[in-house]
Amino acid sequence: MITLRQIEVIRAVMVAGTISGAAKLLGVSAPGVSRLVKHAERSLGMRFFQRKSGRFFPTAEAERIFEQINGVYKKVDDLNFILSRIGRGDLSELRIGSVPSLSQSMAPRAIARVRRRYPDLRIDINILKIEEAIDYLLLGKGECVAMSCRFDHPAIEFAPLAAGELYCVVPAQHELAARDEIGAAEMTRYPLIGIDPKDPYGRIMAELFARDRLTYDISIKARFGTTVCALVGAGLGVAVIDQFTLAYNSFPGIKLLRIAEFTRFETYVATKRDAPFSLHAEYFIACLRAEMRATGSPAAAAATRRQN
C-alpha cells in the first residue's frame, strides 16, 4: 500500500527529474528521498524510474499511475487550502453577545486579540440587556454572552470571567473631587444618577445602599454606564459605576473615588447548556477573561494619566 508521503516524494522526482531536485522541492535531504523511493519500489514490487544521464525518467508503469498520483496530490493541496482558510477564520462567523457594561472596552479589546489570531474571521456582536440573553442563546443567535451577573436557568450555563469593584464618580468641579474615597452613606446626600435598581445591572449598584438599609433617591435614570458618566460629567449628580465600564475610557469632566465599603462583584460568560462550541468562541472567552483580569484600578490609572 502506498502512503501519502511516498506519493509526495515520487511526484517530486517526476517533476524535478532528479533526486537532488526533488529534495530541494521538499526541503529534505537527497539520501532520504532516494531511500524512500527505493523502499516504495520494494514494497510495491515495481520500478517507478529509470536513470539515464543522471536524470530519472518514469517507467511505463509509473506513467500510467502518474495521473492518479497528481489527482491525489491535488486533493491534498485542496485540503491544505481549506485548512488554511479555516485557520484564518475565513469560513466561519463568531457570534457573541455582551451586556453594555462589558461592551464598552472589555469586549472590543478581546475581539482585537481574536482578530489578530483569525484575521479573516467574520464577527457579529450584539449588545444585550441581561434579560435578552436567554432568547439570544436558546434560539441559537449566538454562542455566548458576557454578563455582569448570573441567574438560574435549566438550559443556560455560567462560567466565571473576572471579579470587579464599584467606584463613585463625581463631577470634576464637585466639592467631593478633592477626595480619594467616600462612603455609601455620604453618597446619599447628593443627587444620584444611575441604572434603575429593578434592572439586574442596577441591582449590583443598589446593593451597596441596600446592605446598610440606606435611603437614597436616583434623580436621573439612564440605561447605560457611559450615559451615566456623561451625565455626571455634565455636573448633574454623582453615580456608582463598575470598573469595567470605566476601564481604559477617558470620560471628560469626572473624578473617580474609591468606595469605603466592600463592593466586589463577579462577572460571567453565559452559554447554552450542552451546545457545541466553536474554537473561535473558546478563544474569545479566554481573551475576554484575560483582558478583564488584567484590568487594574481605574482610579489608579486615572491618577497616573494626570501625573503624566
C-alpha atoms as a PDB file:
ATOM      1  CA  MET A   1       0.000   0.000   0.000  1.00  0.00           C
ATOM      2  CA  ILE A   2       1.421   3.368  -0.989  1.00  0.00           C
ATOM      3  CA  THR A   3       1.460   6.193   1.562  1.00  0.00           C
ATOM      4  CA  LEU A   4       0.796   9.888   1.065  1.00  0.00           C
ATOM      5  CA  ARG A   5       4.428  10.614   1.864  1.00  0.00           C
ATOM      6  CA  GLN A   6       5.577   8.178  -0.834  1.00  0.00           C
ATOM      7  CA  ILE A   7       3.154   9.780  -3.303  1.00  0.00           C
ATOM      8  CA  GLU A   8       4.588  13.183  -2.446  1.00  0.00           C
ATOM      9  CA  VAL A   9       8.196  12.042  -2.963  1.00  0.00           C
ATOM     10  CA  ILE A  10       7.534  10.098  -6.183  1.00  0.00           C
ATOM     11  CA  ARG A  11       5.688  13.070  -7.657  1.00  0.00           C
ATOM     12  CA  ALA A  12       8.542  15.406  -6.699  1.00  0.00           C
ATOM     13  CA  VAL A  13      11.053  13.151  -8.509  1.00  0.00           C
ATOM     14  CA  MET A  14       8.790  13.023 -11.571  1.00  0.00           C
ATOM     15  CA  VAL A  15       8.504  16.823 -11.610  1.00  0.00           C
ATOM     16  CA  ALA A  16      12.158  17.604 -10.874  1.00  0.00           C
ATOM     17  CA  GLY A  17      13.707  14.751 -12.846  1.00  0.00           C
ATOM     18  CA  THR A  18      16.475  14.265 -10.267  1.00  0.00           C
ATOM     19  CA  ILE A  19      16.777  13.131  -6.675  1.00  0.00           C
ATOM     20  CA  SER A  20      18.541  16.349  -5.667  1.00  0.00           C
ATOM     21  CA  GLY A  21      15.884  18.459  -7.376  1.00  0.00           C
ATOM     22  CA  ALA A  22      13.118  16.570  -5.601  1.00  0.00           C
ATOM     23  CA  ALA A  23      14.937  17.030  -2.291  1.00  0.00           C
ATOM     24  CA  LYS A  24      15.012  20.804  -2.838  1.00  0.00           C
ATOM     25  CA  LEU A  25      11.306  20.871  -3.672  1.00  0.00           C
ATOM     26  CA  LEU A  26      10.502  19.004  -0.467  1.00  0.00           C
ATOM     27  CA  GLY A  27      13.113  20.691   1.711  1.00  0.00           C
ATOM     28  CA  VAL A  28      14.699  17.372   2.759  1.00  0.00           C
ATOM     29  CA  SER A  29      17.978  15.557   2.140  1.00  0.00           C
ATOM     30  CA  ALA A  30      18.669  13.782  -1.168  1.00  0.00           C
ATOM     31  CA  PRO A  31      19.618  10.471   0.510  1.00  0.00           C
ATOM     32  CA  GLY A  32      16.297  10.485   2.315  1.00  0.00           C
ATOM     33  CA  VAL A  33      14.412  10.888  -0.979  1.00  0.00           C
ATOM     34  CA  SER A  34      16.444   8.112  -2.571  1.00  0.00           C
ATOM     35  CA  ARG A  35      15.781   5.720   0.320  1.00  0.00           C
ATOM     36  CA  LEU A  36      12.056   6.412   0.272  1.00  0.00           C
ATOM     37  CA  VAL A  37      11.776   5.802  -3.481  1.00  0.00           C
ATOM     38  CA  LYS A  38      13.658   2.505  -3.178  1.00  0.00           C
ATOM     39  CA  HIS A  39      11.506   1.438  -0.238  1.00  0.00           C
ATOM     40  CA  ALA A  40       8.318   2.241  -2.196  1.00  0.00           C
ATOM     41  CA  GLU A  41       9.543   0.227  -5.172  1.00  0.00           C
ATOM     42  CA  ARG A  42      10.412  -2.771  -2.993  1.00  0.00           C
ATOM     43  CA  SER A  43       7.169  -2.709  -1.034  1.00  0.00           C
ATOM     44  CA  LEU A  44       5.029  -2.385  -4.167  1.00  0.00           C
ATOM     45  CA  GLY A  45       7.109  -4.732  -6.322  1.00  0.00           C
ATOM     46  CA  MET A  46       7.561  -2.319  -9.224  1.00  0.00           C
ATOM     47  CA  ARG A  47      10.014   0.227 -10.583  1.00  0.00           C
ATOM     48  CA  PHE A  48       8.987   3.847 -10.816  1.00  0.00           C
ATOM     49  CA  PHE A  49      12.080   5.304 -12.502  1.00  0.00           C
ATOM     50  CA  GLN A  50      14.855   4.555 -14.951  1.00  0.00           C
ATOM     51  CA  ARG A  51      18.064   6.520 -14.633  1.00  0.00           C
ATOM     52  CA  LYS A  52      19.596   7.949 -17.843  1.00  0.00           C
ATOM     53  CA  SER A  53      22.409  10.521 -17.998  1.00  0.00           C
ATOM     54  CA  GLY A  54      21.931  11.408 -14.343  1.00  0.00           C
ATOM     55  CA  ARG A  55      18.209  12.018 -14.672  1.00  0.00           C
ATOM     56  CA  PHE A  56      15.234   9.947 -13.518  1.00  0.00           C
ATOM     57  CA  PHE A  57      12.572   9.078 -16.076  1.00  0.00           C
ATOM     58  CA  PRO A  58       9.240   7.487 -15.146  1.00  0.00           C
ATOM     59  CA  THR A  59       8.821   3.876 -16.244  1.00  0.00           C
ATOM     60  CA  ALA A  60       5.822   2.860 -18.328  1.00  0.00           C
ATOM     61  CA  GLU A  61       4.125   1.620 -15.147  1.00  0.00           C
ATOM     62  CA  ALA A  62       4.811   4.919 -13.394  1.00  0.00           C
ATOM     63  CA  GLU A  63       3.448   6.891 -16.346  1.00  0.00           C
ATOM     64  CA  ARG A  64       0.156   5.020 -16.044  1.00  0.00           C
ATOM     65  CA  ILE A  65      -0.248   5.951 -12.385  1.00  0.00           C
ATOM     66  CA  PHE A  66       1.170   9.485 -12.689  1.00  0.00           C
ATOM     67  CA  GLU A  67      -2.256  10.968 -13.463  1.00  0.00           C
ATOM     68  CA  GLN A  68      -3.714   9.264 -10.389  1.00  0.00           C
ATOM     69  CA  ILE A  69      -0.815  10.486  -8.262  1.00  0.00           C
ATOM     70  CA  ASN A  70      -1.405  14.036  -9.472  1.00  0.00           C
ATOM     71  CA  GLY A  71      -5.100  13.694  -8.643  1.00  0.00           C
ATOM     72  CA  VAL A  72      -4.332  12.562  -5.101  1.00  0.00           C
ATOM     73  CA  TYR A  73      -1.789  15.337  -4.687  1.00  0.00           C
ATOM     74  CA  LYS A  74      -4.296  17.942  -5.863  1.00  0.00           C
ATOM     75  CA  LYS A  75      -6.790  16.697  -3.294  1.00  0.00           C
ATOM     76  CA  VAL A  76      -4.132  17.134  -0.596  1.00  0.00           C
ATOM     77  CA  ASP A  77      -3.466  20.653  -1.888  1.00  0.00           C
ATOM     78  CA  ASP A  78      -7.187  21.401  -1.773  1.00  0.00           C
ATOM     79  CA  LEU A  79      -7.363  20.072   1.784  1.00  0.00           C
ATOM     80  CA  ASN A  80      -4.414  22.225   2.858  1.00  0.00           C
ATOM     81  CA  PHE A  81      -6.064  25.246   1.249  1.00  0.00           C
ATOM     82  CA  ILE A  82      -9.298  24.663   3.156  1.00  0.00           C
ATOM     83  CA  LEU A  83      -7.389  24.099   6.399  1.00  0.00           C
ATOM     84  CA  SER A  84      -5.524  27.344   5.841  1.00  0.00           C
ATOM     85  CA  ARG A  85      -8.790  29.239   5.333  1.00  0.00           C
ATOM     86  CA  ILE A  86     -10.269  27.673   8.462  1.00  0.00           C
ATOM     87  CA  GLY A  87      -7.122  28.572  10.393  1.00  0.00           C
ATOM     88  CA  ARG A  88      -7.574  32.207   9.388  1.00  0.00           C
ATOM     89  CA  GLY A  89     -11.283  32.085  10.220  1.00  0.00           C
ATOM     90  CA  ASP A  90     -12.282  32.785   6.616  1.00  0.00           C
ATOM     91  CA  LEU A  91     -15.086  30.202   6.535  1.00  0.00           C
ATOM     92  CA  SER A  92     -16.553  30.959   9.973  1.00  0.00           C
ATOM     93  CA  GLU A  93     -18.504  33.595  11.848  1.00  0.00           C
ATOM     94  CA  LEU A  94     -18.180  34.309  15.559  1.00  0.00           C
ATOM     95  CA  ARG A  95     -21.478  35.482  17.027  1.00  0.00           C
ATOM     96  CA  ILE A  96     -21.272  36.841  20.549  1.00  0.00           C
ATOM     97  CA  GLY A  97     -23.303  38.997  22.900  1.00  0.00           C
ATOM     98  CA  SER A  98     -22.382  41.314  25.729  1.00  0.00           C
ATOM     99  CA  VAL A  99     -24.148  43.416  28.305  1.00  0.00           C
ATOM    100  CA  PRO A 100     -23.445  47.153  27.907  1.00  0.00           C
ATOM    101  CA  SER A 101     -21.035  47.457  30.836  1.00  0.00           C
ATOM    102  CA  LEU A 102     -18.649  44.907  29.296  1.00  0.00           C
ATOM    103  CA  SER A 103     -19.127  46.002  25.698  1.00  0.00           C
ATOM    104  CA  GLN A 104     -17.539  49.437  26.096  1.00  0.00           C
ATOM    105  CA  SER A 105     -13.881  48.439  26.395  1.00  0.00           C
ATOM    106  CA  MET A 106     -13.508  44.840  27.587  1.00  0.00           C
ATOM    107  CA  ALA A 107     -15.203  43.066  24.679  1.00  0.00           C
ATOM    108  CA  PRO A 108     -13.530  45.224  21.991  1.00  0.00           C
ATOM    109  CA  ARG A 109     -10.075  44.534  23.433  1.00  0.00           C
ATOM    110  CA  ALA A 110     -10.794  40.804  23.485  1.00  0.00           C
ATOM    111  CA  ILE A 111     -12.091  40.940  19.914  1.00  0.00           C
ATOM    112  CA  ALA A 112      -8.879  42.693  18.854  1.00  0.00           C
ATOM    113  CA  ARG A 113      -6.951  39.685  20.160  1.00  0.00           C
ATOM    114  CA  VAL A 114      -9.257  37.308  18.289  1.00  0.00           C
ATOM    115  CA  ARG A 115      -8.796  39.288  15.077  1.00  0.00           C
ATOM    116  CA  ARG A 116      -5.022  39.042  15.351  1.00  0.00           C
ATOM    117  CA  ARG A 117      -5.216  35.240  15.505  1.00  0.00           C
ATOM    118  CA  TYR A 118      -8.058  34.846  12.986  1.00  0.00           C
ATOM    119  CA  PRO A 119      -7.670  37.824  10.613  1.00  0.00           C
ATOM    120  CA  ASP A 120     -10.408  36.687   8.205  1.00  0.00           C
ATOM    121  CA  LEU A 121     -12.968  35.649  10.817  1.00  0.00           C
ATOM    122  CA  ARG A 122     -16.376  37.281  10.463  1.00  0.00           C
ATOM    123  CA  ILE A 123     -17.629  38.644  13.784  1.00  0.00           C
ATOM    124  CA  ASP A 124     -21.152  39.619  14.818  1.00  0.00           C
ATOM    125  CA  ILE A 125     -21.533  41.433  18.159  1.00  0.00           C
ATOM    126  CA  ASN A 126     -24.835  42.121  19.888  1.00  0.00           C
ATOM    127  CA  ILE A 127     -25.285  44.463  22.850  1.00  0.00           C
ATOM    128  CA  LEU A 128     -27.957  42.874  25.029  1.00  0.00           C
ATOM    129  CA  LYS A 129     -29.903  43.518  28.165  1.00  0.00           C
ATOM    130  CA  ILE A 130     -29.420  40.746  30.686  1.00  0.00           C
ATOM    131  CA  GLU A 131     -32.981  39.507  30.159  1.00  0.00           C
ATOM    132  CA  GLU A 132     -32.392  39.349  26.396  1.00  0.00           C
ATOM    133  CA  ALA A 133     -29.511  36.891  26.799  1.00  0.00           C
ATOM    134  CA  ILE A 134     -31.879  33.933  27.314  1.00  0.00           C
ATOM    135  CA  ASP A 135     -33.528  34.121  23.883  1.00  0.00           C
ATOM    136  CA  TYR A 136     -30.215  35.045  22.260  1.00  0.00           C
ATOM    137  CA  LEU A 137     -28.632  31.798  23.439  1.00  0.00           C
ATOM    138  CA  LEU A 138     -31.610  29.438  23.322  1.00  0.00           C
ATOM    139  CA  LEU A 139     -32.589  30.487  19.791  1.00  0.00           C
ATOM    140  CA  GLY A 140     -29.036  29.962  18.598  1.00  0.00           C
ATOM    141  CA  LYS A 141     -28.447  33.600  17.673  1.00  0.00           C
ATOM    142  CA  GLY A 142     -25.005  33.495  19.270  1.00  0.00           C
ATOM    143  CA  GLU A 143     -22.621  31.237  21.155  1.00  0.00           C
ATOM    144  CA  CYS A 144     -22.006  33.189  24.341  1.00  0.00           C
ATOM    145  CA  VAL A 145     -22.894  36.348  26.243  1.00  0.00           C
ATOM    146  CA  ALA A 146     -20.626  38.312  28.581  1.00  0.00           C
ATOM    147  CA  MET A 147     -22.707  39.020  31.686  1.00  0.00           C
ATOM    148  CA  SER A 148     -22.429  41.288  34.721  1.00  0.00           C
ATOM    149  CA  CYS A 149     -24.391  38.803  36.864  1.00  0.00           C
ATOM    150  CA  ARG A 150     -25.823  35.296  36.746  1.00  0.00           C
ATOM    151  CA  PHE A 151     -29.265  33.766  37.220  1.00  0.00           C
ATOM    152  CA  ASP A 152     -30.746  30.285  37.473  1.00  0.00           C
ATOM    153  CA  HIS A 153     -31.923  28.721  34.213  1.00  0.00           C
ATOM    154  CA  PRO A 154     -32.022  24.994  33.389  1.00  0.00           C
ATOM    155  CA  ALA A 155     -30.743  25.475  29.826  1.00  0.00           C
ATOM    156  CA  ILE A 156     -28.012  28.058  30.418  1.00  0.00           C
ATOM    157  CA  GLU A 157     -24.588  27.593  31.990  1.00  0.00           C
ATOM    158  CA  PHE A 158     -22.428  30.286  33.571  1.00  0.00           C
ATOM    159  CA  ALA A 159     -18.639  30.314  33.846  1.00  0.00           C
ATOM    160  CA  PRO A 160     -16.713  32.981  35.797  1.00  0.00           C
ATOM    161  CA  LEU A 161     -14.912  35.749  33.933  1.00  0.00           C
ATOM    162  CA  ALA A 162     -13.438  38.142  36.498  1.00  0.00           C
ATOM    163  CA  ALA A 163     -14.211  39.967  39.709  1.00  0.00           C
ATOM    164  CA  GLY A 164     -14.618  43.734  39.732  1.00  0.00           C
ATOM    165  CA  GLU A 165     -15.271  46.636  42.079  1.00  0.00           C
ATOM    166  CA  LEU A 166     -17.545  49.654  42.093  1.00  0.00           C
ATOM    167  CA  TYR A 167     -16.441  53.286  42.102  1.00  0.00           C
ATOM    168  CA  CYS A 168     -18.143  56.565  42.835  1.00  0.00           C
ATOM    169  CA  VAL A 169     -17.857  59.078  40.010  1.00  0.00           C
ATOM    170  CA  VAL A 170     -18.349  62.787  40.681  1.00  0.00           C
ATOM    171  CA  PRO A 171     -18.083  65.933  38.517  1.00  0.00           C
ATOM    172  CA  ALA A 172     -14.503  67.185  38.252  1.00  0.00           C
ATOM    173  CA  GLN A 173     -15.503  70.524  39.844  1.00  0.00           C
ATOM    174  CA  HIS A 174     -17.592  68.907  42.589  1.00  0.00           C
ATOM    175  CA  GLU A 175     -16.791  69.508  46.252  1.00  0.00           C
ATOM    176  CA  LEU A 176     -16.038  65.770  46.560  1.00  0.00           C
ATOM    177  CA  ALA A 177     -13.484  65.833  43.722  1.00  0.00           C
ATOM    178  CA  ALA A 178     -10.677  66.633  46.156  1.00  0.00           C
ATOM    179  CA  ARG A 179     -11.330  63.327  47.926  1.00  0.00           C
ATOM    180  CA  ASP A 180      -9.980  59.879  47.047  1.00  0.00           C
ATOM    181  CA  GLU A 181     -12.578  57.846  48.963  1.00  0.00           C
ATOM    182  CA  ILE A 182     -16.199  58.113  50.023  1.00  0.00           C
ATOM    183  CA  GLY A 183     -18.675  56.017  51.983  1.00  0.00           C
ATOM    184  CA  ALA A 184     -22.099  54.889  50.792  1.00  0.00           C
ATOM    185  CA  ALA A 185     -23.975  56.933  53.421  1.00  0.00           C
ATOM    186  CA  GLU A 186     -22.289  60.146  52.331  1.00  0.00           C
ATOM    187  CA  MET A 187     -23.168  59.488  48.694  1.00  0.00           C
ATOM    188  CA  THR A 188     -26.893  59.507  49.524  1.00  0.00           C
ATOM    189  CA  ARG A 189     -26.619  63.196  50.446  1.00  0.00           C
ATOM    190  CA  TYR A 190     -26.082  64.130  46.809  1.00  0.00           C
ATOM    191  CA  PRO A 191     -28.266  63.829  43.708  1.00  0.00           C
ATOM    192  CA  LEU A 192     -27.715  60.321  42.364  1.00  0.00           C
ATOM    193  CA  ILE A 193     -27.607  59.263  38.733  1.00  0.00           C
ATOM    194  CA  GLY A 194     -27.843  55.579  37.959  1.00  0.00           C
ATOM    195  CA  ILE A 195     -29.434  52.496  36.497  1.00  0.00           C
ATOM    196  CA  ASP A 196     -32.911  51.513  37.653  1.00  0.00           C
ATOM    197  CA  PRO A 197     -32.499  49.303  40.766  1.00  0.00           C
ATOM    198  CA  LYS A 198     -35.075  46.925  39.275  1.00  0.00           C
ATOM    199  CA  ASP A 199     -32.674  46.272  36.396  1.00  0.00           C
ATOM    200  CA  PRO A 200     -30.319  43.297  37.062  1.00  0.00           C
ATOM    201  CA  TYR A 201     -27.278  45.504  36.453  1.00  0.00           C
ATOM    202  CA  GLY A 202     -28.823  48.285  38.526  1.00  0.00           C
ATOM    203  CA  ARG A 203     -29.223  45.871  41.444  1.00  0.00           C
ATOM    204  CA  ILE A 204     -25.447  45.484  41.632  1.00  0.00           C
ATOM    205  CA  MET A 205     -25.176  49.220  42.290  1.00  0.00           C
ATOM    206  CA  ALA A 206     -28.223  49.346  44.567  1.00  0.00           C
ATOM    207  CA  GLU A 207     -26.874  46.539  46.774  1.00  0.00           C
ATOM    208  CA  LEU A 208     -24.250  48.964  48.062  1.00  0.00           C
ATOM    209  CA  PHE A 209     -27.010  51.010  49.731  1.00  0.00           C
ATOM    210  CA  ALA A 210     -29.376  48.147  50.498  1.00  0.00           C
ATOM    211  CA  ARG A 211     -26.853  46.346  52.731  1.00  0.00           C
ATOM    212  CA  ASP A 212     -26.923  49.213  55.244  1.00  0.00           C
ATOM    213  CA  ARG A 213     -30.586  49.993  54.614  1.00  0.00           C
ATOM    214  CA  LEU A 214     -29.709  53.447  53.364  1.00  0.00           C
ATOM    215  CA  THR A 215     -32.423  55.590  51.867  1.00  0.00           C
ATOM    216  CA  TYR A 216     -31.432  57.027  48.503  1.00  0.00           C
ATOM    217  CA  ASP A 217     -33.078  58.595  45.503  1.00  0.00           C
ATOM    218  CA  ILE A 218     -31.990  58.258  41.888  1.00  0.00           C
ATOM    219  CA  SER A 219     -32.991  61.601  40.416  1.00  0.00           C
ATOM    220  CA  ILE A 220     -31.853  60.681  36.893  1.00  0.00           C
ATOM    221  CA  LYS A 221     -32.054  57.151  35.497  1.00  0.00           C
ATOM    222  CA  ALA A 222     -30.104  56.026  32.434  1.00  0.00           C
ATOM    223  CA  ARG A 223     -29.756  52.678  30.682  1.00  0.00           C
ATOM    224  CA  PHE A 224     -26.009  52.615  30.043  1.00  0.00           C
ATOM    225  CA  GLY A 225     -22.997  53.276  32.219  1.00  0.00           C
ATOM    226  CA  THR A 226     -21.425  55.504  29.571  1.00  0.00           C
ATOM    227  CA  THR A 227     -24.537  57.689  29.608  1.00  0.00           C
ATOM    228  CA  VAL A 228     -24.381  57.849  33.396  1.00  0.00           C
ATOM    229  CA  CYS A 229     -20.752  59.006  33.238  1.00  0.00           C
ATOM    230  CA  ALA A 230     -21.636  61.656  30.652  1.00  0.00           C
ATOM    231  CA  LEU A 231     -24.431  62.954  32.881  1.00  0.00           C
ATOM    232  CA  VAL A 232     -22.048  63.111  35.836  1.00  0.00           C
ATOM    233  CA  GLY A 233     -19.534  64.950  33.646  1.00  0.00           C
ATOM    234  CA  ALA A 234     -22.260  67.470  32.871  1.00  0.00           C
ATOM    235  CA  GLY A 235     -22.468  68.231  36.589  1.00  0.00           C
ATOM    236  CA  LEU A 236     -25.891  66.663  37.168  1.00  0.00           C
ATOM    237  CA  GLY A 237     -25.010  64.458  40.139  1.00  0.00           C
ATOM    238  CA  VAL A 238     -22.831  61.599  41.370  1.00  0.00           C
ATOM    239  CA  ALA A 239     -23.058  57.919  40.494  1.00  0.00           C
ATOM    240  CA  VAL A 240     -21.843  54.401  41.221  1.00  0.00           C
ATOM    241  CA  ILE A 241     -20.221  52.667  38.240  1.00  0.00           C
ATOM    242  CA  ASP A 242     -18.361  49.389  37.800  1.00  0.00           C
ATOM    243  CA  GLN A 243     -14.652  49.329  36.997  1.00  0.00           C
ATOM    244  CA  PHE A 244     -15.090  47.605  33.634  1.00  0.00           C
ATOM    245  CA  THR A 245     -17.198  50.462  32.281  1.00  0.00           C
ATOM    246  CA  LEU A 246     -14.551  52.897  33.479  1.00  0.00           C
ATOM    247  CA  ALA A 247     -11.532  50.903  32.310  1.00  0.00           C
ATOM    248  CA  TYR A 248      -9.436  52.472  29.543  1.00  0.00           C
ATOM    249  CA  ASN A 249     -12.042  55.161  28.921  1.00  0.00           C
ATOM    250  CA  SER A 250     -11.344  58.822  29.373  1.00  0.00           C
ATOM    251  CA  PHE A 251     -14.647  60.316  30.433  1.00  0.00           C
ATOM    252  CA  PRO A 252     -14.212  64.093  30.461  1.00  0.00           C
ATOM    253  CA  GLY A 253     -15.268  66.062  33.482  1.00  0.00           C
ATOM    254  CA  ILE A 254     -15.420  63.275  36.088  1.00  0.00           C
ATOM    255  CA  LYS A 255     -13.348  62.164  39.066  1.00  0.00           C
ATOM    256  CA  LEU A 256     -13.248  58.582  40.390  1.00  0.00           C
ATOM    257  CA  LEU A 257     -13.447  57.914  44.134  1.00  0.00           C
ATOM    258  CA  ARG A 258     -12.867  54.612  45.878  1.00  0.00           C
ATOM    259  CA  ILE A 259     -15.824  53.389  47.909  1.00  0.00           C
ATOM    260  CA  ALA A 260     -15.080  52.603  51.564  1.00  0.00           C
ATOM    261  CA  GLU A 261     -17.482  49.638  51.720  1.00  0.00           C
ATOM    262  CA  PHE A 262     -16.912  46.216  50.170  1.00  0.00           C
ATOM    263  CA  THR A 263     -18.100  46.400  46.554  1.00  0.00           C
ATOM    264  CA  ARG A 264     -16.647  43.300  44.908  1.00  0.00           C
ATOM    265  CA  PHE A 265     -18.891  41.610  42.327  1.00  0.00           C
ATOM    266  CA  GLU A 266     -18.458  38.770  39.821  1.00  0.00           C
ATOM    267  CA  THR A 267     -18.918  38.689  36.059  1.00  0.00           C
ATOM    268  CA  TYR A 268     -19.715  35.634  33.939  1.00  0.00           C
ATOM    269  CA  VAL A 269     -19.979  34.257  30.444  1.00  0.00           C
ATOM    270  CA  ALA A 270     -23.275  32.546  29.656  1.00  0.00           C
ATOM    271  CA  THR A 271     -23.618  29.707  27.138  1.00  0.00           C
ATOM    272  CA  LYS A 272     -26.367  27.338  26.103  1.00  0.00           C
ATOM    273  CA  ARG A 273     -26.074  24.119  28.090  1.00  0.00           C
ATOM    274  CA  ASP A 274     -24.591  21.202  26.102  1.00  0.00           C
ATOM    275  CA  ALA A 275     -24.440  23.255  22.881  1.00  0.00           C
ATOM    276  CA  PRO A 276     -21.476  22.676  20.526  1.00  0.00           C
ATOM    277  CA  PHE A 277     -18.836  25.334  20.951  1.00  0.00           C
ATOM    278  CA  SER A 278     -16.517  26.722  18.260  1.00  0.00           C
ATOM    279  CA  LEU A 279     -12.781  27.208  18.757  1.00  0.00           C
ATOM    280  CA  HIS A 280     -13.277  30.873  17.947  1.00  0.00           C
ATOM    281  CA  ALA A 281     -15.778  31.309  20.789  1.00  0.00           C
ATOM    282  CA  GLU A 282     -13.479  29.482  23.199  1.00  0.00           C
ATOM    283  CA  TYR A 283     -10.621  31.770  22.223  1.00  0.00           C
ATOM    284  CA  PHE A 284     -12.796  34.883  22.580  1.00  0.00           C
ATOM    285  CA  ILE A 285     -13.790  33.864  26.103  1.00  0.00           C
ATOM    286  CA  ALA A 286     -10.161  33.188  27.029  1.00  0.00           C
ATOM    287  CA  CYS A 287      -9.158  36.605  25.655  1.00  0.00           C
ATOM    288  CA  LEU A 288     -12.036  38.370  27.413  1.00  0.00           C
ATOM    289  CA  ARG A 289     -11.181  36.696  30.709  1.00  0.00           C
ATOM    290  CA  ALA A 290      -7.512  37.673  30.334  1.00  0.00           C
ATOM    291  CA  GLU A 291      -8.350  41.294  29.495  1.00  0.00           C
ATOM    292  CA  MET A 292     -10.757  41.653  32.401  1.00  0.00           C
ATOM    293  CA  ARG A 293      -8.451  40.040  34.937  1.00  0.00           C
ATOM    294  CA  ALA A 294      -5.601  42.276  33.794  1.00  0.00           C
ATOM    295  CA  THR A 295      -7.669  45.412  34.365  1.00  0.00           C
ATOM    296  CA  GLY A 296      -6.221  47.391  37.240  1.00  0.00           C
ATOM    297  CA  SER A 297      -7.807  50.051  39.381  1.00  0.00           C
ATOM    298  CA  PRO A 298      -9.306  52.731  37.106  1.00  0.00           C
ATOM    299  CA  ALA A 299      -8.746  55.299  39.873  1.00  0.00           C
ATOM    300  CA  ALA A 300      -5.032  54.491  39.928  1.00  0.00           C
ATOM    301  CA  ALA A 301      -4.897  54.586  36.136  1.00  0.00           C
ATOM    302  CA  ALA A 302      -6.590  57.980  36.106  1.00  0.00           C
ATOM    303  CA  ALA A 303      -4.115  59.298  38.674  1.00  0.00           C
ATOM    304  CA  THR A 304      -1.236  58.073  36.528  1.00  0.00           C
ATOM    305  CA  ARG A 305      -2.667  59.856  33.486  1.00  0.00           C
ATOM    306  CA  ARG A 306      -2.951  63.110  35.456  1.00  0.00           C
ATOM    307  CA  GLN A 307       0.659  62.851  36.612  1.00  0.00           C
ATOM    308  CA  ASN A 308       1.856  62.293  33.072  1.00  0.00           C
END
